[in-house]
Amino acid sequence: MVAINWEIAITQSNKWKESGNKIVFTNGCYDLIHRGHIDLLSQAKNKGDKLIVGINTDRSVQQLKGDDRPIQTYDDRVIIINAINCVDMVVGFDEDTPDKIIKELLPDVLVKGGDYSINQIVGADTVIAHGGNVEIIDLIEGKSTSSLINHILKTK
């Protein structure tokens, strides 16, 4: 399964809103899915009715993380995130940040992990200006893709 294109995502999100659903958006690279990702997505879903997850394309991940990333392809990451029960929709973005898609979707709640402060969260100003909330979810210590990669390299 591929990520839904922006036009379809925006149309579906608007239908959900019209039906009274609270829309939650979060985003990330989601490379080497781990417990921390699952926990964040589960908590994000609890902030509303429908959870939309933005995923960086491979090019976007390389821009942010370097040429040796992502480890998993975009298609693989999309399939894995789509398989998580709490996720209602996956939308991809090729830009370095999800700013454009956030401005289009205008979610009721924007969620990021606890390694961000509110002034570092892309789209926070947009969501707040439209009456939404920004939620920061505490991370599980030691549960990150970088720590997973480091552990794998050490035990090689």
N, C-alpha and C. Protein backbone atom coordinates (compact mmCIF):
# COMPACT_ATOMS: atom_id res chain seq x y z
N MET A 1 0.85 -1.19 0.00
CA MET A 1 0.00 0.00 0.00
C MET A 1 0.88 1.24 0.00
N VAL A 2 0.48 2.24 -0.74
CA VAL A 2 1.24 3.48 -0.78
C VAL A 2 0.56 4.51 0.10
N ALA A 3 1.29 5.55 0.39
CA ALA A 3 0.70 6.65 1.15
C ALA A 3 -0.33 7.35 0.26
N ILE A 4 -1.33 7.89 0.88
CA ILE A 4 -2.38 8.61 0.17
C ILE A 4 -1.82 9.96 -0.28
N ASN A 5 -2.18 10.37 -1.49
CA ASN A 5 -1.69 11.68 -1.94
C ASN A 5 -2.39 12.80 -1.18
N TRP A 6 -1.81 13.96 -1.23
CA TRP A 6 -2.28 15.09 -0.42
C TRP A 6 -3.73 15.43 -0.70
N GLU A 7 -4.11 15.44 -1.98
CA GLU A 7 -5.48 15.83 -2.34
C GLU A 7 -6.50 14.90 -1.69
N ILE A 8 -6.25 13.60 -1.78
CA ILE A 8 -7.16 12.62 -1.16
C ILE A 8 -7.13 12.77 0.36
N ALA A 9 -5.95 12.96 0.92
CA ALA A 9 -5.82 13.11 2.38
C ALA A 9 -6.61 14.32 2.88
N ILE A 10 -6.50 15.42 2.17
CA ILE A 10 -7.20 16.65 2.58
C ILE A 10 -8.71 16.46 2.46
N THR A 11 -9.16 15.85 1.37
CA THR A 11 -10.60 15.58 1.19
C THR A 11 -11.13 14.69 2.30
N GLN A 12 -10.41 13.59 2.60
CA GLN A 12 -10.85 12.67 3.65
C GLN A 12 -10.83 13.34 5.02
N SER A 13 -9.79 14.10 5.29
CA SER A 13 -9.70 14.81 6.57
C SER A 13 -10.87 15.77 6.75
N ASN A 14 -11.21 16.49 5.69
CA ASN A 14 -12.35 17.41 5.75
C ASN A 14 -13.66 16.68 5.99
N LYS A 15 -13.83 15.50 5.37
CA LYS A 15 -15.04 14.70 5.61
C LYS A 15 -15.11 14.26 7.07
N TRP A 16 -13.97 13.83 7.60
CA TRP A 16 -13.93 13.44 9.01
C TRP A 16 -14.30 14.61 9.92
N LYS A 17 -13.75 15.79 9.61
CA LYS A 17 -14.06 16.98 10.42
C LYS A 17 -15.55 17.30 10.36
N GLU A 18 -16.12 17.24 9.15
CA GLU A 18 -17.55 17.52 8.98
C GLU A 18 -18.42 16.55 9.77
N SER A 19 -17.91 15.35 10.00
CA SER A 19 -18.62 14.34 10.80
C SER A 19 -18.37 14.50 12.29
N GLY A 20 -17.64 15.55 12.66
CA GLY A 20 -17.39 15.82 14.07
C GLY A 20 -16.16 15.16 14.66
N ASN A 21 -15.33 14.57 13.81
CA ASN A 21 -14.11 13.92 14.30
C ASN A 21 -13.00 14.93 14.56
N LYS A 22 -12.27 14.68 15.61
CA LYS A 22 -11.10 15.48 15.96
C LYS A 22 -9.88 14.86 15.26
N ILE A 23 -9.20 15.66 14.43
CA ILE A 23 -8.09 15.17 13.61
C ILE A 23 -6.76 15.44 14.31
N VAL A 24 -5.96 14.38 14.42
CA VAL A 24 -4.63 14.47 15.01
C VAL A 24 -3.61 14.21 13.90
N PHE A 25 -2.55 14.99 13.89
CA PHE A 25 -1.47 14.80 12.91
C PHE A 25 -0.14 14.70 13.64
N THR A 26 0.67 13.76 13.21
CA THR A 26 2.06 13.68 13.64
C THR A 26 2.88 13.28 12.44
N ASN A 27 4.17 13.44 12.54
CA ASN A 27 5.03 13.12 11.41
C ASN A 27 6.39 12.64 11.87
N GLY A 28 7.08 11.99 10.95
CA GLY A 28 8.44 11.54 11.23
C GLY A 28 8.99 10.73 10.08
N CYS A 29 10.22 10.29 10.26
CA CYS A 29 10.87 9.43 9.25
C CYS A 29 10.42 7.99 9.41
N TYR A 30 10.22 7.56 10.64
CA TYR A 30 9.77 6.20 10.97
C TYR A 30 10.66 5.13 10.32
N ASP A 31 11.97 5.34 10.44
CA ASP A 31 12.95 4.39 9.94
C ASP A 31 13.28 3.41 11.06
N LEU A 32 13.24 2.14 10.80
CA LEU A 32 13.41 1.10 11.81
C LEU A 32 12.41 1.29 12.94
N ILE A 33 11.18 0.97 12.67
CA ILE A 33 10.09 1.15 13.62
C ILE A 33 10.41 0.42 14.92
N HIS A 34 10.20 1.10 16.04
CA HIS A 34 10.50 0.53 17.36
C HIS A 34 9.39 0.90 18.35
N ARG A 35 9.53 0.42 19.55
CA ARG A 35 8.51 0.63 20.60
C ARG A 35 8.21 2.11 20.83
N GLY A 36 9.22 2.94 20.76
CA GLY A 36 9.01 4.38 20.95
C GLY A 36 8.05 4.96 19.92
N HIS A 37 8.19 4.52 18.67
CA HIS A 37 7.26 4.97 17.62
C HIS A 37 5.84 4.52 17.94
N ILE A 38 5.69 3.25 18.30
CA ILE A 38 4.36 2.70 18.58
C ILE A 38 3.72 3.44 19.75
N ASP A 39 4.49 3.69 20.79
CA ASP A 39 3.97 4.41 21.96
C ASP A 39 3.52 5.81 21.59
N LEU A 40 4.33 6.52 20.82
CA LEU A 40 3.97 7.88 20.41
C LEU A 40 2.71 7.87 19.56
N LEU A 41 2.62 6.95 18.60
CA LEU A 41 1.44 6.89 17.74
C LEU A 41 0.18 6.55 18.54
N SER A 42 0.31 5.62 19.47
CA SER A 42 -0.83 5.24 20.31
C SER A 42 -1.30 6.41 21.16
N GLN A 43 -0.36 7.11 21.77
CA GLN A 43 -0.73 8.28 22.58
C GLN A 43 -1.30 9.40 21.71
N ALA A 44 -0.76 9.56 20.51
CA ALA A 44 -1.28 10.58 19.59
C ALA A 44 -2.74 10.28 19.25
N LYS A 45 -3.04 9.04 18.95
CA LYS A 45 -4.41 8.65 18.61
C LYS A 45 -5.36 8.97 19.76
N ASN A 46 -4.89 8.82 21.00
CA ASN A 46 -5.73 9.11 22.16
C ASN A 46 -6.07 10.59 22.32
N LYS A 47 -5.42 11.45 21.54
CA LYS A 47 -5.68 12.90 21.60
C LYS A 47 -6.84 13.31 20.71
N GLY A 48 -7.37 12.36 19.92
CA GLY A 48 -8.47 12.70 19.02
C GLY A 48 -9.14 11.45 18.48
N ASP A 49 -9.83 11.63 17.35
CA ASP A 49 -10.59 10.53 16.76
C ASP A 49 -9.89 9.87 15.57
N LYS A 50 -9.22 10.66 14.77
CA LYS A 50 -8.55 10.16 13.56
C LYS A 50 -7.09 10.60 13.58
N LEU A 51 -6.19 9.64 13.35
CA LEU A 51 -4.76 9.93 13.35
C LEU A 51 -4.20 9.86 11.94
N ILE A 52 -3.66 10.98 11.50
CA ILE A 52 -2.99 11.06 10.21
C ILE A 52 -1.49 11.15 10.49
N VAL A 53 -0.72 10.29 9.83
CA VAL A 53 0.73 10.26 10.03
C VAL A 53 1.42 10.69 8.74
N GLY A 54 2.24 11.73 8.84
CA GLY A 54 3.06 12.17 7.73
C GLY A 54 4.41 11.47 7.77
N ILE A 55 4.85 10.95 6.63
CA ILE A 55 6.12 10.24 6.56
C ILE A 55 7.01 10.90 5.50
N ASN A 56 8.25 11.19 5.90
CA ASN A 56 9.23 11.74 4.97
C ASN A 56 9.57 10.71 3.89
N THR A 57 9.69 11.17 2.64
CA THR A 57 10.16 10.31 1.56
C THR A 57 11.64 9.99 1.78
N ASP A 58 12.17 9.07 1.00
CA ASP A 58 13.59 8.71 1.12
C ASP A 58 14.49 9.92 0.90
N ARG A 59 14.19 10.73 -0.12
CA ARG A 59 14.99 11.92 -0.40
C ARG A 59 14.98 12.87 0.79
N SER A 60 13.82 13.06 1.36
CA SER A 60 13.67 13.94 2.51
C SER A 60 14.46 13.43 3.71
N VAL A 61 14.41 12.11 3.96
CA VAL A 61 15.17 11.53 5.07
C VAL A 61 16.67 11.72 4.85
N GLN A 62 17.14 11.50 3.62
CA GLN A 62 18.56 11.69 3.32
C GLN A 62 18.99 13.12 3.57
N GLN A 63 18.15 14.07 3.21
CA GLN A 63 18.45 15.49 3.48
C GLN A 63 18.62 15.75 4.97
N LEU A 64 17.76 15.13 5.77
CA LEU A 64 17.76 15.37 7.22
C LEU A 64 18.79 14.55 7.98
N LYS A 65 18.99 13.30 7.57
CA LYS A 65 19.77 12.35 8.37
C LYS A 65 21.10 11.95 7.75
N GLY A 66 21.30 12.21 6.46
CA GLY A 66 22.53 11.82 5.79
C GLY A 66 22.31 10.73 4.77
N ASP A 67 23.34 10.49 3.95
CA ASP A 67 23.23 9.57 2.82
C ASP A 67 23.03 8.11 3.21
N ASP A 68 23.38 7.74 4.45
CA ASP A 68 23.22 6.35 4.87
C ASP A 68 21.83 6.05 5.41
N ARG A 69 20.94 7.01 5.34
CA ARG A 69 19.56 6.82 5.80
C ARG A 69 18.62 7.20 4.67
N PRO A 70 17.44 6.68 4.61
CA PRO A 70 16.87 5.73 5.55
C PRO A 70 17.40 4.31 5.32
N ILE A 71 17.27 3.51 6.33
CA ILE A 71 17.64 2.11 6.23
C ILE A 71 16.52 1.35 5.52
N GLN A 72 15.28 1.66 5.87
CA GLN A 72 14.12 1.06 5.21
C GLN A 72 13.61 2.01 4.14
N THR A 73 13.12 1.46 3.04
CA THR A 73 12.61 2.30 1.96
C THR A 73 11.32 3.00 2.40
N TYR A 74 11.00 4.03 1.67
CA TYR A 74 9.75 4.76 1.91
C TYR A 74 8.55 3.82 1.86
N ASP A 75 8.48 3.00 0.81
CA ASP A 75 7.35 2.08 0.67
C ASP A 75 7.25 1.13 1.86
N ASP A 76 8.39 0.61 2.32
CA ASP A 76 8.38 -0.29 3.48
C ASP A 76 7.89 0.44 4.72
N ARG A 77 8.37 1.66 4.92
CA ARG A 77 7.96 2.43 6.11
C ARG A 77 6.47 2.74 6.07
N VAL A 78 5.95 3.06 4.89
CA VAL A 78 4.52 3.34 4.73
C VAL A 78 3.69 2.10 5.05
N ILE A 79 4.09 0.95 4.51
CA ILE A 79 3.35 -0.29 4.76
C ILE A 79 3.32 -0.61 6.25
N ILE A 80 4.46 -0.46 6.92
CA ILE A 80 4.53 -0.76 8.35
C ILE A 80 3.64 0.18 9.15
N ILE A 81 3.72 1.48 8.89
CA ILE A 81 2.90 2.45 9.64
C ILE A 81 1.42 2.21 9.36
N ASN A 82 1.07 1.92 8.11
CA ASN A 82 -0.33 1.63 7.78
C ASN A 82 -0.87 0.42 8.52
N ALA A 83 0.00 -0.51 8.88
CA ALA A 83 -0.43 -1.73 9.56
C ALA A 83 -0.68 -1.54 11.05
N ILE A 84 -0.31 -0.39 11.58
CA ILE A 84 -0.50 -0.12 13.01
C ILE A 84 -1.95 0.30 13.23
N ASN A 85 -2.64 -0.39 14.11
CA ASN A 85 -4.09 -0.22 14.30
C ASN A 85 -4.54 1.20 14.58
N CYS A 86 -3.76 1.96 15.31
CA CYS A 86 -4.22 3.30 15.71
C CYS A 86 -4.10 4.32 14.58
N VAL A 87 -3.43 3.97 13.49
CA VAL A 87 -3.21 4.91 12.38
C VAL A 87 -4.38 4.82 11.40
N ASP A 88 -4.97 5.97 11.10
CA ASP A 88 -6.10 6.03 10.18
C ASP A 88 -5.70 6.37 8.75
N MET A 89 -4.59 7.10 8.59
CA MET A 89 -4.16 7.51 7.26
C MET A 89 -2.68 7.85 7.29
N VAL A 90 -1.99 7.52 6.19
CA VAL A 90 -0.58 7.89 6.02
C VAL A 90 -0.47 8.77 4.79
N VAL A 91 0.24 9.87 4.94
CA VAL A 91 0.48 10.77 3.82
C VAL A 91 1.97 11.06 3.77
N GLY A 92 2.54 11.00 2.58
CA GLY A 92 3.97 11.24 2.43
C GLY A 92 4.26 12.70 2.10
N PHE A 93 5.49 13.11 2.41
CA PHE A 93 5.92 14.44 1.99
C PHE A 93 7.40 14.41 1.64
N ASP A 94 7.74 15.12 0.56
CA ASP A 94 9.10 15.12 0.02
C ASP A 94 9.91 16.31 0.53
N GLU A 95 9.26 17.25 1.16
CA GLU A 95 9.94 18.43 1.68
C GLU A 95 10.70 18.05 2.95
N ASP A 96 11.56 18.95 3.39
CA ASP A 96 12.31 18.71 4.63
C ASP A 96 11.42 18.76 5.86
N THR A 97 10.32 19.50 5.77
CA THR A 97 9.39 19.62 6.90
C THR A 97 7.96 19.38 6.41
N PRO A 98 7.05 19.09 7.33
CA PRO A 98 5.65 18.87 6.95
C PRO A 98 4.82 20.16 6.93
N ASP A 99 5.46 21.31 6.90
CA ASP A 99 4.76 22.59 7.01
C ASP A 99 3.61 22.73 6.00
N LYS A 100 3.87 22.40 4.74
CA LYS A 100 2.84 22.56 3.70
C LYS A 100 1.62 21.68 3.97
N ILE A 101 1.85 20.41 4.30
CA ILE A 101 0.72 19.50 4.51
C ILE A 101 -0.05 19.88 5.77
N ILE A 102 0.64 20.37 6.78
CA ILE A 102 -0.06 20.83 8.00
C ILE A 102 -0.95 22.02 7.66
N LYS A 103 -0.45 22.94 6.84
CA LYS A 103 -1.26 24.11 6.44
C LYS A 103 -2.47 23.69 5.63
N GLU A 104 -2.35 22.61 4.87
CA GLU A 104 -3.47 22.11 4.07
C GLU A 104 -4.47 21.32 4.92
N LEU A 105 -3.97 20.46 5.80
CA LEU A 105 -4.84 19.61 6.62
C LEU A 105 -5.50 20.36 7.77
N LEU A 106 -4.78 21.32 8.34
CA LEU A 106 -5.22 22.05 9.53
C LEU A 106 -5.78 21.11 10.59
N PRO A 107 -4.93 20.23 11.13
CA PRO A 107 -5.40 19.29 12.15
C PRO A 107 -5.83 20.02 13.42
N ASP A 108 -6.67 19.35 14.19
CA ASP A 108 -7.09 19.90 15.48
C ASP A 108 -5.99 19.77 16.52
N VAL A 109 -5.18 18.73 16.37
CA VAL A 109 -4.09 18.47 17.31
C VAL A 109 -2.84 18.09 16.51
N LEU A 110 -1.73 18.71 16.86
CA LEU A 110 -0.43 18.39 16.28
C LEU A 110 0.40 17.76 17.39
N VAL A 111 0.95 16.57 17.14
CA VAL A 111 1.69 15.83 18.16
C VAL A 111 3.13 15.61 17.72
N LYS A 112 4.06 15.83 18.65
CA LYS A 112 5.47 15.51 18.42
C LYS A 112 6.02 14.89 19.69
N GLY A 113 7.17 14.25 19.54
CA GLY A 113 7.83 13.61 20.68
C GLY A 113 8.52 14.62 21.58
N GLY A 114 8.82 14.18 22.79
CA GLY A 114 9.39 15.03 23.83
C GLY A 114 10.79 15.54 23.58
N ASP A 115 11.40 15.17 22.45
CA ASP A 115 12.70 15.73 22.12
C ASP A 115 12.55 17.08 21.41
N TYR A 116 11.34 17.57 21.32
CA TYR A 116 11.05 18.89 20.74
C TYR A 116 10.45 19.80 21.80
N SER A 117 10.73 21.09 21.65
CA SER A 117 10.00 22.09 22.44
C SER A 117 8.99 22.72 21.48
N ILE A 118 7.99 23.37 22.01
CA ILE A 118 6.91 23.88 21.15
C ILE A 118 7.42 24.84 20.08
N ASN A 119 8.45 25.63 20.40
CA ASN A 119 8.95 26.58 19.40
C ASN A 119 9.77 25.89 18.31
N GLN A 120 10.08 24.61 18.47
CA GLN A 120 10.81 23.84 17.45
C GLN A 120 9.86 23.03 16.56
N ILE A 121 8.61 22.97 16.91
CA ILE A 121 7.67 22.11 16.18
C ILE A 121 7.12 22.83 14.95
N VAL A 122 7.49 22.29 13.80
CA VAL A 122 7.02 22.85 12.54
C VAL A 122 5.50 22.73 12.47
N GLY A 123 4.84 23.82 12.14
CA GLY A 123 3.39 23.82 12.01
C GLY A 123 2.64 24.19 13.28
N ALA A 124 3.35 24.29 14.40
CA ALA A 124 2.68 24.61 15.67
C ALA A 124 1.95 25.94 15.57
N ASP A 125 2.59 26.94 15.00
CA ASP A 125 1.97 28.26 14.88
C ASP A 125 0.70 28.20 14.04
N THR A 126 0.72 27.42 12.97
CA THR A 126 -0.46 27.27 12.10
C THR A 126 -1.62 26.62 12.85
N VAL A 127 -1.33 25.52 13.54
CA VAL A 127 -2.37 24.78 14.26
C VAL A 127 -2.97 25.65 15.36
N ILE A 128 -2.13 26.32 16.13
CA ILE A 128 -2.60 27.18 17.22
C ILE A 128 -3.43 28.34 16.67
N ALA A 129 -2.98 28.94 15.56
CA ALA A 129 -3.70 30.07 14.96
C ALA A 129 -5.10 29.67 14.50
N HIS A 130 -5.31 28.40 14.23
CA HIS A 130 -6.63 27.91 13.79
C HIS A 130 -7.39 27.23 14.92
N GLY A 131 -7.00 27.53 16.17
CA GLY A 131 -7.74 27.04 17.32
C GLY A 131 -7.39 25.63 17.77
N GLY A 132 -6.32 25.06 17.20
CA GLY A 132 -5.92 23.70 17.57
C GLY A 132 -4.93 23.69 18.73
N ASN A 133 -4.53 22.49 19.09
CA ASN A 133 -3.58 22.28 20.19
C ASN A 133 -2.33 21.60 19.67
N VAL A 134 -1.23 21.85 20.37
CA VAL A 134 0.02 21.15 20.11
C VAL A 134 0.34 20.35 21.36
N GLU A 135 0.57 19.06 21.18
CA GLU A 135 0.84 18.15 22.30
C GLU A 135 2.23 17.56 22.14
N ILE A 136 2.99 17.56 23.22
CA ILE A 136 4.32 16.95 23.23
C ILE A 136 4.23 15.69 24.08
N ILE A 137 4.59 14.56 23.48
CA ILE A 137 4.51 13.26 24.14
C ILE A 137 5.89 12.89 24.69
N ASP A 138 5.94 12.50 25.95
CA ASP A 138 7.20 12.05 26.54
C ASP A 138 7.71 10.82 25.80
N LEU A 139 9.01 10.81 25.54
CA LEU A 139 9.63 9.67 24.87
C LEU A 139 10.02 8.61 25.88
N ILE A 140 10.15 7.38 25.41
CA ILE A 140 10.64 6.29 26.24
C ILE A 140 12.16 6.31 26.13
N GLU A 141 12.84 6.49 27.24
CA GLU A 141 14.29 6.61 27.23
C GLU A 141 14.95 5.40 26.57
N GLY A 142 15.91 5.68 25.71
CA GLY A 142 16.66 4.62 25.05
C GLY A 142 15.97 4.00 23.85
N LYS A 143 14.78 4.47 23.53
CA LYS A 143 14.02 3.91 22.40
C LYS A 143 14.03 4.92 21.25
N SER A 144 15.05 4.83 20.42
CA SER A 144 15.14 5.70 19.25
C SER A 144 15.81 4.91 18.13
N THR A 145 15.61 5.37 16.92
CA THR A 145 16.24 4.70 15.78
C THR A 145 17.75 4.78 15.89
N SER A 146 18.26 5.93 16.30
CA SER A 146 19.72 6.08 16.44
C SER A 146 20.29 5.12 17.47
N SER A 147 19.62 4.97 18.61
CA SER A 147 20.12 4.04 19.63
C SER A 147 20.00 2.60 19.15
N LEU A 148 18.98 2.30 18.37
CA LEU A 148 18.83 0.96 17.80
C LEU A 148 19.96 0.66 16.81
N ILE A 149 20.26 1.61 15.95
CA ILE A 149 21.35 1.45 14.99
C ILE A 149 22.67 1.26 15.73
N ASN A 150 22.93 2.09 16.74
CA ASN A 150 24.17 1.98 17.51
C ASN A 150 24.28 0.61 18.19
N HIS A 151 23.18 0.12 18.73
CA HIS A 151 23.18 -1.20 19.38
C HIS A 151 23.50 -2.30 18.36
N ILE A 152 22.89 -2.23 17.20
CA ILE A 152 23.14 -3.22 16.15
C ILE A 152 24.61 -3.19 15.74
N LEU A 153 25.16 -2.01 15.56
CA LEU A 153 26.56 -1.89 15.14
C LEU A 153 27.52 -2.42 16.21
N LYS A 154 27.20 -2.20 17.48
CA LYS A 154 28.04 -2.69 18.58
C LYS A 154 28.04 -4.20 18.67
N THR A 155 26.92 -4.83 18.36
CA THR A 155 26.80 -6.28 18.53
C THR A 155 27.12 -7.05 17.25
N LYS A 156 27.61 -6.37 16.26
CA LYS A 156 27.95 -6.98 14.97
C LYS A 156 29.05 -8.00 15.09
